[in-house]
Amino acid sequence: MAHPLGNFSVNQYARIEVGKSQVKLRAVLDMAEIPTFQESQTIDTNKDGELSETELNNYVEKISPGYFANLLLTIGEQSIELRPIAKNISLPTGSGNLPTLRIEWDLAGDLPNPANEIQKLRFENKNNLERIGWNEIVVGRVSGINIFDSTAKGSGITDELKSYPQETLSSPLTERTAGFSFTSSTIPPNSKILQNRDGHVSTPVEKDKFAELIAVPEITPTIILFGLLVAFGLGALHALSPGHGKAVVGAYLVGSKGTPKHALFLGATVTITHTLGVFALGLLTLFASNYILPERLMPFLNFFSGLLVFFIGLTLFKNRLFSILGYESSEHQPAKDLHEHDNLPENITHTHGGSTHSHLPPKRVTWRNLLALGISGGLLPCPSALVLMLSAISLNRIGYGIVLTLVFSFGLAATLTAVGLTFLYVGKFLDNPSLSDNRIVKALPVFSAFVIACVGAVICYQSLV
């Protein structure tokens, strides 16, 4: 299943990305069990039967110049010199517990002309021409660069030779050459924009701006200040993306007598929960991934978050429906104001002075519900924050990573707090006595509670799917 042509295959993958000043190439060489066994005779220099890390690295250093020489990349008529940026070699286990050999290279070369000019790129891989195997080429589209009239596609099939589609095992890809035109300006008329293998237009590859904050070459006071400002801004913008409980927060507060301190408490709860979630999932990824995969845990967190929202919505719906029908519910506190009709049951609507009303006090926000809402909004850790934390650990910048993650969560919470305050003022407007007899205004709290319950149910359903 791992290798489409069996245990004898030598498979190759190349991904080309053109930026505004550089062209990048990711090359992957994947050898099946038999070729790996053959190469191990060369790798094992001390002949002890073990392939040590030192021997593997020495092998990569030895074969890399020859491999690079057969990766031919030209722009126009000019040959581009590719220089190595990073490399990795590993021995994934294959059939019969035999090792397979996987080598990954990241290469880069300079563009001969500014990217705003229309240029033509051609690539050819002449390595292992005599060997059978899968050969795949992908063209990555970077933001700001238009790629058109390409002979290669903008998406891959094998996830860089990690998995192969069953339906194509008998007819593997034989992509060894690719050509396309590119420019940072407008493409010519009648040109064909880069497409994926499914026929859709390829979308640009966007870098994770938050995760990139930790990877600066040097940490200086100016960089720290700039990083904190950017982290806060990205967190605030991230909260505007779908999810994060904005609809739930708004629907809850629009039908409740909340105050600014309630909105601030909600924001603080989201911040704490989100930050702790990132740290917890980061530790799980580092130390417990052999027992449970983080991506397997996410649906359960999502389900629990949805369950909280559903329970809150259902409770509010019952309380507010009883209130509008004239019955007292647990959402209401006992009335403290005295009036001439103290002997009337407080759960009965009545008329006096030309006004039909109840002596039920205004609906109030409960701290328990706010806490549950905050937890549900911050329970799911942001993948960008998780990547940043892991990068911080690998770069030995743990303290800076923690601070950036915390500030990112502050930005996220600030947006949710602003949403809460906005809906509080909307609620005060709707509480105007002149609107008290409006049926729509009366029904709005009940409807908003129903929306909360529906959102929670949808979250639960999606996590189960």
Foldseek 3Di string as FASTA:
>chain_A
DLFLVPQFFWEKEWEWEDDQWKIKIKIKIKHGQPVVVVCVVVLPPVPPPDRDPVSVVVVCVVCVVVQQVQWWKAKANHTWRKDWDDKDWDWDQDPPRGTIIMIMTMIMTTDPDGQQDKIKMKIFGPPPPVGDGAYAYAYAYAPLKWKWPKPHAHDDACPRSRHHDPVCSVPHHDDGMMMIIMHSDDDDPPTGTHHHPVGHHHDHDDDLVLLCLLVDPDDDPVSLVVLLVVLLVLLLVVLVPPALCLLLLLLQQLQAQDDLVLLVVLLVLLLVQQLVLLVVLLCCCVPPCVPPNSVVCQLVLLLVLLVLLLVQLVQQLVQLVQVLVQAHDPQFDDDDDDDPVVVDPQSHWDDDPRDTGGNTDGGHDDPVSSNSSSNSSNNRHDVSLNSNCVVCVVVVNNVSSSSSSSSSSSSNSVNSSVSNVVSSVVSVVLVPPVNPPPPCSSCSSSVSSVVSNVSSVVSNVVSVD
